[in-house]
Structure formats: structure tokens, C-alpha cells
Amino acid sequence: MPSLIDIRRRIRSVRSTQQITKAMKMVSAAKLRRAQERVLAARPYAGLIREMLGSVTSRLPAGPEGAPGAAHPLLERRPENRILLLLLSGDKGLCGAFNTNLMKASQAFLQKHASARVELELIGRKGRDYYRRRQVPISGEHISVFAKVEYAVAKEIAQKAIVRFSSGEVDAVYLLYNEFKSVIAQKLVVDRILPLEAPAASSSGGEYLFEEPPAKILAGLLPRYVEVQVYRAMVESAAAEHAARMTAMDAATSNATEMIDKLTLYMNRVRQASITKEIIEVVSGAAAAG
């Protein structure tokens, strides 16, 4: 049976841990509010640029396969023998199964495309640390980019993927990330961003009037669309990470409270048993003396 000193020491240790987890929960909650604002701002823009892209492609003459604008390099479909996977993971831990689920999903992606050569563009420290110890081709690393997600970083990553796809180095580019749904829910998303699948023109949207030829507009719009897709994935992943960390720290704080209550109850029982034992010894000694 542990002594009272040991139990009190353990209670102090758990209480210190509880203060840390509670502080981390509050920090994540504050960061989540800002990240959520960026997500809500990025989603409408991504939707509008997709709607505009559909309107432009609907005005192009049919390509060899009957699809509008099928001759554009970023719309060209090839057998997926070489694939680039953009893996968006967290830079830090203590966020529950956020990073673990991403690693499992990336391993499943590699197994599914085992016949192809898959290269990884690792965005986030946890993904870099995981695949650094494994025999998987890595095309690039981007660390500490989620502290403040910037469009310039997303543009750089997207432009690199566009150049590699246009030059024929890779036949397809995929995004793997956690999409923010709510504070307690994140959704794993595997999205192919190259070759682009031209969206259908929206019947509910407004009518666009273009001064430039549709082909010229499409040439400038398609790279921007890829950049927006990467940026949106980054802000979604950042918000999902903060939500997962806040949920994990809330659960850890609750568990610490429960553990403190149990240890306090156990300490009181040990102390009561010690007092009862001393009383019995005194009474027994008095009875023996009498």
C-alpha cells in the first residue's frame, strides 16, 4: 500500500498536468476561432472560382474526346503510372488520432497504387518524421507552415505540382488532408487536383460576360484554381488540427479531474485505515496493561 506522501505527490503531479492540458485547450480554442474564420472565407471563393471555371469550359469547342477544353495541358488524362501525393499533416502532436489517421490513410493510398510510382510532397512535421524512416520517394518537405497559413506558400506548392504535371514528370496529383467539419468531427479527404476535371456549368449561377477569348481565360484560371484548392486544403487542415487538439485536451482535463477524485478518495481511505489502526493499537495496549 502506498504511503500518504506518495499519494499526495501523485495528486500534485496530476493536478499540474491538468493545468497544462486546460491551458492548451484554451489556446487551441482561440486558434480554432481564427482558423475557422479563414475556412469560412476560403470556401465561398473556391466555390465561385469553380463555378466560373465551369462557365468558361462550357464555351470552349469540344476536344478530341468530346469534352470541353480537353486539349488544355492541365486537363490531359494519362495512365497514372507516376503519382504525386500532397500529404497535409500537423506540425505538432497531442491532437488525438489526427495524425495517426492521416498516416493510415496515406499507407492505404500507397497500397492501392502499388503498381505506380508514388512520390510524397510532405506538408507538416509529423508526416515528414513518419516517412523519413521509410523507403518512400519524397519530392519535398514543408515544415512549420500551419502556424500561419499563407497563400504564397500554397501557391509555391501548387506551382511545383503544376510544372511537374505539365512536363510529364507525374501523371496525377492528389491531395490528402483532414477537412474541418465541426469541433468534434474531421473528415479524411483524398482529392485529385491534377488532371483537373472541368466542372459543369452551373444553371443556378449568374451569367458571365467575358471580354477575352475563353481559351485565354482558361489558361490563367486553371493554375489559379489549383492554387486555391491547395490553399483551401491547408486552411481546412489547420482548423481540423486545432479542433482535434482542443477536443483531446478537453478529454485529458476531464480524465485528470476524475483521477484526482479517485486518488483523493483513496488517500482518505488510507488515512482513515491508518487512524483506525493506531486507535486499535492504543486500545489493545491499554487492555493488555489493565
C-alpha atoms as a PDB file:
ATOM      1  CA  MET A   1       0.000   0.000   0.000  1.00  0.00           C
ATOM      2  CA  PRO A   2       1.498   3.401  -0.966  1.00  0.00           C
ATOM      3  CA  SER A   3       2.101   5.919   1.771  1.00  0.00           C
ATOM      4  CA  LEU A   4       0.135   9.146   2.158  1.00  0.00           C
ATOM      5  CA  ILE A   5       3.158  11.123   0.973  1.00  0.00           C
ATOM      6  CA  ASP A   6       3.304   9.133  -2.283  1.00  0.00           C
ATOM      7  CA  ILE A   7      -0.408   9.618  -2.912  1.00  0.00           C
ATOM      8  CA  ARG A   8      -0.228  13.379  -2.229  1.00  0.00           C
ATOM      9  CA  ARG A   9       2.768  13.641  -4.567  1.00  0.00           C
ATOM     10  CA  ARG A  10       0.847  11.858  -7.312  1.00  0.00           C
ATOM     11  CA  ILE A  11      -2.188  14.119  -6.827  1.00  0.00           C
ATOM     12  CA  ARG A  12       0.042  17.194  -7.188  1.00  0.00           C
ATOM     13  CA  SER A  13       1.564  15.727 -10.345  1.00  0.00           C
ATOM     14  CA  VAL A  14      -1.846  15.024 -11.901  1.00  0.00           C
ATOM     15  CA  ARG A  15      -3.088  18.493 -10.931  1.00  0.00           C
ATOM     16  CA  SER A  16      -0.056  20.084 -12.628  1.00  0.00           C
ATOM     17  CA  THR A  17      -0.755  18.065 -15.772  1.00  0.00           C
ATOM     18  CA  GLN A  18      -4.389  19.148 -15.612  1.00  0.00           C
ATOM     19  CA  GLN A  19      -3.374  22.808 -15.573  1.00  0.00           C
ATOM     20  CA  ILE A  20      -1.228  22.247 -18.665  1.00  0.00           C
ATOM     21  CA  THR A  21      -3.964  20.450 -20.613  1.00  0.00           C
ATOM     22  CA  LYS A  22      -6.502  23.096 -19.612  1.00  0.00           C
ATOM     23  CA  ALA A  23      -4.211  25.871 -20.831  1.00  0.00           C
ATOM     24  CA  MET A  24      -3.569  24.022 -24.119  1.00  0.00           C
ATOM     25  CA  LYS A  25      -7.325  23.621 -24.605  1.00  0.00           C
ATOM     26  CA  MET A  26      -7.844  27.370 -24.193  1.00  0.00           C
ATOM     27  CA  VAL A  27      -5.013  28.174 -26.613  1.00  0.00           C
ATOM     28  CA  SER A  28      -6.388  25.736 -29.209  1.00  0.00           C
ATOM     29  CA  ALA A  29      -9.874  27.206 -28.798  1.00  0.00           C
ATOM     30  CA  ALA A  30      -8.549  30.701 -29.530  1.00  0.00           C
ATOM     31  CA  LYS A  31      -6.565  29.478 -32.555  1.00  0.00           C
ATOM     32  CA  LEU A  32      -9.554  27.478 -33.777  1.00  0.00           C
ATOM     33  CA  ARG A  33     -11.741  30.589 -33.944  1.00  0.00           C
ATOM     34  CA  ARG A  34      -9.240  32.322 -36.215  1.00  0.00           C
ATOM     35  CA  ALA A  35      -8.687  29.190 -38.327  1.00  0.00           C
ATOM     36  CA  GLN A  36     -12.428  28.676 -38.671  1.00  0.00           C
ATOM     37  CA  GLU A  37     -12.822  32.224 -39.954  1.00  0.00           C
ATOM     38  CA  ARG A  38     -10.234  31.523 -42.655  1.00  0.00           C
ATOM     39  CA  VAL A  39     -12.054  28.311 -43.617  1.00  0.00           C
ATOM     40  CA  LEU A  40     -15.396  30.084 -43.908  1.00  0.00           C
ATOM     41  CA  ALA A  41     -13.749  32.795 -46.012  1.00  0.00           C
ATOM     42  CA  ALA A  42     -11.980  30.327 -48.327  1.00  0.00           C
ATOM     43  CA  ARG A  43     -14.944  28.057 -49.077  1.00  0.00           C
ATOM     44  CA  PRO A  44     -17.110  30.617 -50.959  1.00  0.00           C
ATOM     45  CA  TYR A  45     -14.139  31.789 -53.027  1.00  0.00           C
ATOM     46  CA  ALA A  46     -13.284  28.207 -54.001  1.00  0.00           C
ATOM     47  CA  GLY A  47     -16.913  27.621 -54.949  1.00  0.00           C
ATOM     48  CA  LEU A  48     -17.126  30.758 -57.068  1.00  0.00           C
ATOM     49  CA  ILE A  49     -13.888  30.088 -58.941  1.00  0.00           C
ATOM     50  CA  ARG A  50     -15.126  26.559 -59.654  1.00  0.00           C
ATOM     51  CA  GLU A  51     -18.409  27.990 -60.950  1.00  0.00           C
ATOM     52  CA  MET A  52     -16.525  30.422 -63.180  1.00  0.00           C
ATOM     53  CA  LEU A  53     -14.306  27.614 -64.443  1.00  0.00           C
ATOM     54  CA  GLY A  54     -17.397  25.623 -65.393  1.00  0.00           C
ATOM     55  CA  SER A  55     -18.816  28.612 -67.267  1.00  0.00           C
ATOM     56  CA  VAL A  56     -15.577  29.104 -69.234  1.00  0.00           C
ATOM     57  CA  THR A  57     -15.119  25.442 -70.174  1.00  0.00           C
ATOM     58  CA  SER A  58     -18.720  25.225 -71.380  1.00  0.00           C
ATOM     59  CA  ARG A  59     -17.923  27.860 -74.033  1.00  0.00           C
ATOM     60  CA  LEU A  60     -14.872  26.075 -75.401  1.00  0.00           C
ATOM     61  CA  PRO A  61     -15.054  23.903 -78.509  1.00  0.00           C
ATOM     62  CA  ALA A  62     -15.140  20.184 -77.823  1.00  0.00           C
ATOM     63  CA  GLY A  63     -11.769  18.435 -77.627  1.00  0.00           C
ATOM     64  CA  PRO A  64     -10.741  15.120 -79.219  1.00  0.00           C
ATOM     65  CA  GLU A  65     -12.729  13.154 -76.633  1.00  0.00           C
ATOM     66  CA  GLY A  66     -15.790  15.380 -76.825  1.00  0.00           C
ATOM     67  CA  ALA A  67     -15.083  17.173 -73.556  1.00  0.00           C
ATOM     68  CA  PRO A  68     -14.801  20.994 -73.499  1.00  0.00           C
ATOM     69  CA  GLY A  69     -11.227  22.155 -73.479  1.00  0.00           C
ATOM     70  CA  ALA A  70      -9.829  18.620 -73.379  1.00  0.00           C
ATOM     71  CA  ALA A  71      -6.729  19.832 -75.222  1.00  0.00           C
ATOM     72  CA  HIS A  72      -5.512  22.003 -72.308  1.00  0.00           C
ATOM     73  CA  PRO A  73      -2.388  20.500 -70.614  1.00  0.00           C
ATOM     74  CA  LEU A  74      -3.884  20.591 -67.114  1.00  0.00           C
ATOM     75  CA  LEU A  75      -6.952  18.684 -68.345  1.00  0.00           C
ATOM     76  CA  GLU A  76      -4.970  15.974 -70.119  1.00  0.00           C
ATOM     77  CA  ARG A  77      -5.628  12.493 -68.787  1.00  0.00           C
ATOM     78  CA  ARG A  78      -2.857   9.903 -68.835  1.00  0.00           C
ATOM     79  CA  PRO A  79      -2.399   6.431 -67.322  1.00  0.00           C
ATOM     80  CA  GLU A  80      -1.451   7.033 -63.678  1.00  0.00           C
ATOM     81  CA  ASN A  81       1.959   5.407 -63.663  1.00  0.00           C
ATOM     82  CA  ARG A  82       3.614   8.229 -61.686  1.00  0.00           C
ATOM     83  CA  ILE A  83       1.641   9.909 -58.916  1.00  0.00           C
ATOM     84  CA  LEU A  84       2.415  12.850 -56.643  1.00  0.00           C
ATOM     85  CA  LEU A  85       0.629  12.826 -53.277  1.00  0.00           C
ATOM     86  CA  LEU A  86       0.450  16.055 -51.282  1.00  0.00           C
ATOM     87  CA  LEU A  87       0.149  14.867 -47.673  1.00  0.00           C
ATOM     88  CA  LEU A  88      -1.011  17.536 -45.207  1.00  0.00           C
ATOM     89  CA  SER A  89      -0.263  16.558 -41.604  1.00  0.00           C
ATOM     90  CA  GLY A  90       0.172  18.503 -38.370  1.00  0.00           C
ATOM     91  CA  ASP A  91       3.338  20.155 -37.130  1.00  0.00           C
ATOM     92  CA  LYS A  92       2.654  19.120 -33.518  1.00  0.00           C
ATOM     93  CA  GLY A  93       1.171  16.208 -31.611  1.00  0.00           C
ATOM     94  CA  LEU A  94      -1.271  15.983 -28.677  1.00  0.00           C
ATOM     95  CA  CYS A  95      -4.234  16.142 -31.054  1.00  0.00           C
ATOM     96  CA  GLY A  96      -5.748  12.690 -30.665  1.00  0.00           C
ATOM     97  CA  ALA A  97      -5.867  10.495 -33.762  1.00  0.00           C
ATOM     98  CA  PHE A  98      -5.495  13.445 -36.168  1.00  0.00           C
ATOM     99  CA  ASN A  99      -2.047  12.494 -37.478  1.00  0.00           C
ATOM    100  CA  THR A 100      -2.447   8.744 -36.959  1.00  0.00           C
ATOM    101  CA  ASN A 101      -5.485   8.627 -39.235  1.00  0.00           C
ATOM    102  CA  LEU A 102      -3.590  10.573 -41.904  1.00  0.00           C
ATOM    103  CA  MET A 103      -0.667   8.154 -41.808  1.00  0.00           C
ATOM    104  CA  LYS A 104      -3.016   5.168 -42.057  1.00  0.00           C
ATOM    105  CA  ALA A 105      -4.824   6.768 -44.992  1.00  0.00           C
ATOM    106  CA  SER A 106      -1.533   7.527 -46.759  1.00  0.00           C
ATOM    107  CA  GLN A 107      -0.385   3.926 -46.280  1.00  0.00           C
ATOM    108  CA  ALA A 108      -3.700   2.724 -47.724  1.00  0.00           C
ATOM    109  CA  PHE A 109      -3.191   5.084 -50.692  1.00  0.00           C
ATOM    110  CA  LEU A 110       0.277   3.646 -51.315  1.00  0.00           C
ATOM    111  CA  GLN A 111      -1.070   0.106 -51.196  1.00  0.00           C
ATOM    112  CA  LYS A 112      -3.934   0.967 -53.533  1.00  0.00           C
ATOM    113  CA  HIS A 113      -1.471   2.428 -56.073  1.00  0.00           C
ATOM    114  CA  ALA A 114       1.247  -0.169 -55.515  1.00  0.00           C
ATOM    115  CA  SER A 115       1.669  -0.681 -59.269  1.00  0.00           C
ATOM    116  CA  ALA A 116       2.522   3.011 -59.771  1.00  0.00           C
ATOM    117  CA  ARG A 117       5.454   5.091 -58.572  1.00  0.00           C
ATOM    118  CA  VAL A 118       4.106   7.346 -55.833  1.00  0.00           C
ATOM    119  CA  GLU A 119       6.098  10.350 -54.597  1.00  0.00           C
ATOM    120  CA  LEU A 120       5.178  12.302 -51.482  1.00  0.00           C
ATOM    121  CA  GLU A 121       5.192  16.056 -51.010  1.00  0.00           C
ATOM    122  CA  LEU A 122       5.138  16.275 -47.223  1.00  0.00           C
ATOM    123  CA  ILE A 123       3.438  19.342 -45.739  1.00  0.00           C
ATOM    124  CA  GLY A 124       3.718  19.210 -41.955  1.00  0.00           C
ATOM    125  CA  ARG A 125       6.322  17.964 -39.495  1.00  0.00           C
ATOM    126  CA  LYS A 126       4.513  14.790 -38.413  1.00  0.00           C
ATOM    127  CA  GLY A 127       4.264  13.445 -41.949  1.00  0.00           C
ATOM    128  CA  ARG A 128       7.929  14.287 -42.552  1.00  0.00           C
ATOM    129  CA  ASP A 129       9.018  12.484 -39.380  1.00  0.00           C
ATOM    130  CA  TYR A 130       6.891   9.438 -40.216  1.00  0.00           C
ATOM    131  CA  TYR A 131       8.111   8.935 -43.793  1.00  0.00           C
ATOM    132  CA  ARG A 132      11.688   9.943 -43.148  1.00  0.00           C
ATOM    133  CA  ARG A 133      12.238   6.477 -41.642  1.00  0.00           C
ATOM    134  CA  ARG A 134      10.531   4.641 -44.517  1.00  0.00           C
ATOM    135  CA  GLN A 135      11.596   3.789 -48.022  1.00  0.00           C
ATOM    136  CA  VAL A 136       9.187   6.085 -49.864  1.00  0.00           C
ATOM    137  CA  PRO A 137      10.239   8.641 -52.519  1.00  0.00           C
ATOM    138  CA  ILE A 138       9.905  12.180 -51.118  1.00  0.00           C
ATOM    139  CA  SER A 139       9.798  15.097 -53.561  1.00  0.00           C
ATOM    140  CA  GLY A 140       9.752  17.902 -50.985  1.00  0.00           C
ATOM    141  CA  GLU A 141       9.163  18.955 -47.374  1.00  0.00           C
ATOM    142  CA  HIS A 142       7.332  21.956 -45.928  1.00  0.00           C
ATOM    143  CA  ILE A 143       7.640  22.396 -42.168  1.00  0.00           C
ATOM    144  CA  SER A 144       6.006  24.938 -39.818  1.00  0.00           C
ATOM    145  CA  VAL A 145       3.570  26.244 -42.432  1.00  0.00           C
ATOM    146  CA  PHE A 146       0.390  25.823 -40.355  1.00  0.00           C
ATOM    147  CA  ALA A 147       1.259  28.311 -37.611  1.00  0.00           C
ATOM    148  CA  LYS A 148       0.084  30.952 -40.075  1.00  0.00           C
ATOM    149  CA  VAL A 149      -1.256  29.620 -43.353  1.00  0.00           C
ATOM    150  CA  GLU A 150      -0.229  31.932 -46.196  1.00  0.00           C
ATOM    151  CA  TYR A 151      -1.437  31.887 -49.773  1.00  0.00           C
ATOM    152  CA  ALA A 152       2.120  32.395 -51.040  1.00  0.00           C
ATOM    153  CA  VAL A 153       3.156  29.022 -49.575  1.00  0.00           C
ATOM    154  CA  ALA A 154       0.150  27.271 -51.106  1.00  0.00           C
ATOM    155  CA  LYS A 155       0.920  28.932 -54.449  1.00  0.00           C
ATOM    156  CA  GLU A 156       4.516  27.710 -54.339  1.00  0.00           C
ATOM    157  CA  ILE A 157       3.423  24.127 -53.633  1.00  0.00           C
ATOM    158  CA  ALA A 158       0.731  24.246 -56.325  1.00  0.00           C
ATOM    159  CA  GLN A 159       3.063  25.742 -58.950  1.00  0.00           C
ATOM    160  CA  LYS A 160       5.611  23.000 -58.314  1.00  0.00           C
ATOM    161  CA  ALA A 161       2.932  20.351 -58.836  1.00  0.00           C
ATOM    162  CA  ILE A 162       1.655  22.116 -61.982  1.00  0.00           C
ATOM    163  CA  VAL A 163       5.134  22.258 -63.520  1.00  0.00           C
ATOM    164  CA  ARG A 164       5.798  18.589 -62.790  1.00  0.00           C
ATOM    165  CA  PHE A 165       2.436  17.552 -64.245  1.00  0.00           C
ATOM    166  CA  SER A 166       2.754  19.759 -67.329  1.00  0.00           C
ATOM    167  CA  SER A 167       6.248  18.453 -68.065  1.00  0.00           C
ATOM    168  CA  GLY A 168       5.119  14.835 -67.784  1.00  0.00           C
ATOM    169  CA  GLU A 169       7.135  14.003 -64.653  1.00  0.00           C
ATOM    170  CA  VAL A 170       3.938  12.866 -62.939  1.00  0.00           C
ATOM    171  CA  ASP A 171       0.630  11.711 -64.386  1.00  0.00           C
ATOM    172  CA  ALA A 172      -1.631  12.691 -61.491  1.00  0.00           C
ATOM    173  CA  VAL A 173      -1.541  14.836 -58.337  1.00  0.00           C
ATOM    174  CA  TYR A 174      -3.602  14.015 -55.248  1.00  0.00           C
ATOM    175  CA  LEU A 175      -4.332  15.868 -52.004  1.00  0.00           C
ATOM    176  CA  LEU A 176      -4.717  14.004 -48.692  1.00  0.00           C
ATOM    177  CA  TYR A 177      -5.849  16.078 -45.717  1.00  0.00           C
ATOM    178  CA  ASN A 178      -8.346  16.384 -42.878  1.00  0.00           C
ATOM    179  CA  GLU A 179     -11.349  18.541 -43.777  1.00  0.00           C
ATOM    180  CA  PHE A 180     -12.851  20.579 -40.954  1.00  0.00           C
ATOM    181  CA  LYS A 181     -16.464  19.593 -40.292  1.00  0.00           C
ATOM    182  CA  SER A 182     -17.037  20.625 -36.687  1.00  0.00           C
ATOM    183  CA  VAL A 183     -15.193  20.857 -33.396  1.00  0.00           C
ATOM    184  CA  ILE A 184     -15.619  17.140 -32.784  1.00  0.00           C
ATOM    185  CA  ALA A 185     -15.542  15.861 -36.368  1.00  0.00           C
ATOM    186  CA  GLN A 186     -12.934  15.887 -39.123  1.00  0.00           C
ATOM    187  CA  LYS A 187     -13.233  14.134 -42.463  1.00  0.00           C
ATOM    188  CA  LEU A 188     -10.321  12.497 -44.283  1.00  0.00           C
ATOM    189  CA  VAL A 189     -10.322  13.660 -47.898  1.00  0.00           C
ATOM    190  CA  VAL A 190      -8.408  12.219 -50.853  1.00  0.00           C
ATOM    191  CA  ASP A 191      -8.885  14.618 -53.754  1.00  0.00           C
ATOM    192  CA  ARG A 192      -7.316  14.511 -57.213  1.00  0.00           C
ATOM    193  CA  ILE A 193      -6.395  18.028 -58.294  1.00  0.00           C
ATOM    194  CA  LEU A 194      -4.477  17.137 -61.481  1.00  0.00           C
ATOM    195  CA  PRO A 195      -5.539  16.389 -64.117  1.00  0.00           C
ATOM    196  CA  LEU A 196      -8.393  18.772 -63.485  1.00  0.00           C
ATOM    197  CA  GLU A 197     -11.897  17.608 -64.140  1.00  0.00           C
ATOM    198  CA  ALA A 198     -13.660  20.563 -65.688  1.00  0.00           C
ATOM    199  CA  PRO A 199     -16.837  21.226 -63.670  1.00  0.00           C
ATOM    200  CA  ALA A 200     -20.172  21.515 -65.441  1.00  0.00           C
ATOM    201  CA  ALA A 201     -21.606  24.975 -65.869  1.00  0.00           C
ATOM    202  CA  SER A 202     -23.942  25.894 -63.022  1.00  0.00           C
ATOM    203  CA  SER A 203     -27.544  26.528 -64.021  1.00  0.00           C
ATOM    204  CA  SER A 204     -28.255  28.458 -60.818  1.00  0.00           C
ATOM    205  CA  GLY A 205     -25.319  30.848 -61.080  1.00  0.00           C
ATOM    206  CA  GLY A 206     -25.278  34.202 -62.833  1.00  0.00           C
ATOM    207  CA  GLU A 207     -24.362  34.752 -66.460  1.00  0.00           C
ATOM    208  CA  TYR A 208     -20.700  35.687 -67.031  1.00  0.00           C
ATOM    209  CA  LEU A 209     -19.624  38.054 -69.797  1.00  0.00           C
ATOM    210  CA  PHE A 210     -16.029  37.551 -70.903  1.00  0.00           C
ATOM    211  CA  GLU A 211     -14.034  40.154 -72.817  1.00  0.00           C
ATOM    212  CA  GLU A 212     -11.108  37.817 -73.545  1.00  0.00           C
ATOM    213  CA  PRO A 213     -11.386  34.571 -75.543  1.00  0.00           C
ATOM    214  CA  PRO A 214     -12.439  31.620 -73.326  1.00  0.00           C
ATOM    215  CA  ALA A 215      -9.228  29.701 -74.091  1.00  0.00           C
ATOM    216  CA  LYS A 216      -7.087  32.598 -72.852  1.00  0.00           C
ATOM    217  CA  ILE A 217      -9.164  32.982 -69.686  1.00  0.00           C
ATOM    218  CA  LEU A 218      -8.950  29.244 -69.067  1.00  0.00           C
ATOM    219  CA  ALA A 219      -5.151  29.328 -69.336  1.00  0.00           C
ATOM    220  CA  GLY A 220      -4.988  31.810 -66.462  1.00  0.00           C
ATOM    221  CA  LEU A 221      -7.876  30.383 -64.472  1.00  0.00           C
ATOM    222  CA  LEU A 222      -6.789  26.729 -64.258  1.00  0.00           C
ATOM    223  CA  PRO A 223      -3.497  27.353 -62.385  1.00  0.00           C
ATOM    224  CA  ARG A 224      -5.315  29.721 -60.010  1.00  0.00           C
ATOM    225  CA  TYR A 225      -7.921  27.029 -59.377  1.00  0.00           C
ATOM    226  CA  VAL A 226      -5.209  24.525 -58.401  1.00  0.00           C
ATOM    227  CA  GLU A 227      -3.617  27.103 -56.085  1.00  0.00           C
ATOM    228  CA  VAL A 228      -6.964  27.757 -54.411  1.00  0.00           C
ATOM    229  CA  GLN A 229      -7.529  24.031 -53.933  1.00  0.00           C
ATOM    230  CA  VAL A 230      -4.185  23.651 -52.162  1.00  0.00           C
ATOM    231  CA  TYR A 231      -4.751  26.768 -50.041  1.00  0.00           C
ATOM    232  CA  ARG A 232      -8.227  25.635 -49.044  1.00  0.00           C
ATOM    233  CA  ALA A 233      -6.872  22.206 -48.062  1.00  0.00           C
ATOM    234  CA  MET A 234      -4.243  23.898 -45.885  1.00  0.00           C
ATOM    235  CA  VAL A 235      -6.709  26.112 -44.011  1.00  0.00           C
ATOM    236  CA  GLU A 236      -9.099  23.166 -43.606  1.00  0.00           C
ATOM    237  CA  SER A 237      -6.274  21.032 -42.203  1.00  0.00           C
ATOM    238  CA  ALA A 238      -5.148  23.785 -39.813  1.00  0.00           C
ATOM    239  CA  ALA A 239      -8.664  24.251 -38.447  1.00  0.00           C
ATOM    240  CA  ALA A 240      -9.174  20.493 -38.124  1.00  0.00           C
ATOM    241  CA  GLU A 241      -5.902  20.153 -36.215  1.00  0.00           C
ATOM    242  CA  HIS A 242      -6.837  22.861 -33.698  1.00  0.00           C
ATOM    243  CA  ALA A 243     -10.277  21.295 -33.245  1.00  0.00           C
ATOM    244  CA  ALA A 244      -8.758  17.852 -32.690  1.00  0.00           C
ATOM    245  CA  ARG A 245      -6.242  19.236 -30.178  1.00  0.00           C
ATOM    246  CA  MET A 246      -8.927  21.161 -28.290  1.00  0.00           C
ATOM    247  CA  THR A 247     -11.082  18.023 -28.074  1.00  0.00           C
ATOM    248  CA  ALA A 248      -8.131  15.888 -26.957  1.00  0.00           C
ATOM    249  CA  MET A 249      -7.061  18.381 -24.275  1.00  0.00           C
ATOM    250  CA  ASP A 250     -10.646  18.685 -23.027  1.00  0.00           C
ATOM    251  CA  ALA A 251     -10.803  14.908 -22.648  1.00  0.00           C
ATOM    252  CA  ALA A 252      -7.406  14.881 -20.918  1.00  0.00           C
ATOM    253  CA  THR A 253      -8.543  17.586 -18.476  1.00  0.00           C
ATOM    254  CA  SER A 254     -11.694  15.626 -17.649  1.00  0.00           C
ATOM    255  CA  ASN A 255      -9.679  12.449 -17.144  1.00  0.00           C
ATOM    256  CA  ALA A 256      -7.298  14.306 -14.831  1.00  0.00           C
ATOM    257  CA  THR A 257     -10.232  15.572 -12.750  1.00  0.00           C
ATOM    258  CA  GLU A 258     -11.581  12.037 -12.476  1.00  0.00           C
ATOM    259  CA  MET A 259      -8.169  10.692 -11.489  1.00  0.00           C
ATOM    260  CA  ILE A 260      -7.719  13.385  -8.818  1.00  0.00           C
ATOM    261  CA  ASP A 261     -11.118  12.499  -7.331  1.00  0.00           C
ATOM    262  CA  LYS A 262     -10.222   8.799  -7.218  1.00  0.00           C
ATOM    263  CA  LEU A 263      -6.795   9.463  -5.703  1.00  0.00           C
ATOM    264  CA  THR A 264      -8.303  11.795  -3.092  1.00  0.00           C
ATOM    265  CA  LEU A 265     -10.867   9.168  -2.113  1.00  0.00           C
ATOM    266  CA  TYR A 266      -8.151   6.529  -1.935  1.00  0.00           C
ATOM    267  CA  MET A 267      -5.947   8.841   0.171  1.00  0.00           C
ATOM    268  CA  ASN A 268      -8.801   9.425   2.620  1.00  0.00           C
ATOM    269  CA  ARG A 269      -9.345   5.696   2.927  1.00  0.00           C
ATOM    270  CA  VAL A 270      -5.661   5.079   3.581  1.00  0.00           C
ATOM    271  CA  ARG A 271      -5.581   7.846   6.172  1.00  0.00           C
ATOM    272  CA  GLN A 272      -8.731   6.505   7.861  1.00  0.00           C
ATOM    273  CA  ALA A 273      -7.281   2.999   7.923  1.00  0.00           C
ATOM    274  CA  SER A 274      -4.068   4.362   9.463  1.00  0.00           C
ATOM    275  CA  ILE A 275      -6.015   6.230  12.153  1.00  0.00           C
ATOM    276  CA  THR A 276      -8.161   3.172  12.884  1.00  0.00           C
ATOM    277  CA  LYS A 277      -5.059   1.001  13.186  1.00  0.00           C
ATOM    278  CA  GLU A 278      -3.456   3.431  15.635  1.00  0.00           C
ATOM    279  CA  ILE A 279      -6.638   3.529  17.767  1.00  0.00           C
ATOM    280  CA  ILE A 280      -6.781  -0.257  17.848  1.00  0.00           C
ATOM    281  CA  GLU A 281      -3.127  -0.414  18.895  1.00  0.00           C
ATOM    282  CA  VAL A 282      -3.725   2.087  21.699  1.00  0.00           C
ATOM    283  CA  VAL A 283      -6.840   0.281  22.931  1.00  0.00           C
ATOM    284  CA  SER A 284      -5.124  -3.088  22.714  1.00  0.00           C
ATOM    285  CA  GLY A 285      -2.114  -1.749  24.650  1.00  0.00           C
ATOM    286  CA  ALA A 286      -4.364  -0.261  27.349  1.00  0.00           C
ATOM    287  CA  ALA A 287      -6.308  -3.502  27.646  1.00  0.00           C
ATOM    288  CA  ALA A 288      -3.114  -5.528  27.952  1.00  0.00           C
ATOM    289  CA  ALA A 289      -1.776  -3.183  30.632  1.00  0.00           C
ATOM    290  CA  GLY A 290      -5.013  -3.408  32.606  1.00  0.00           C
END
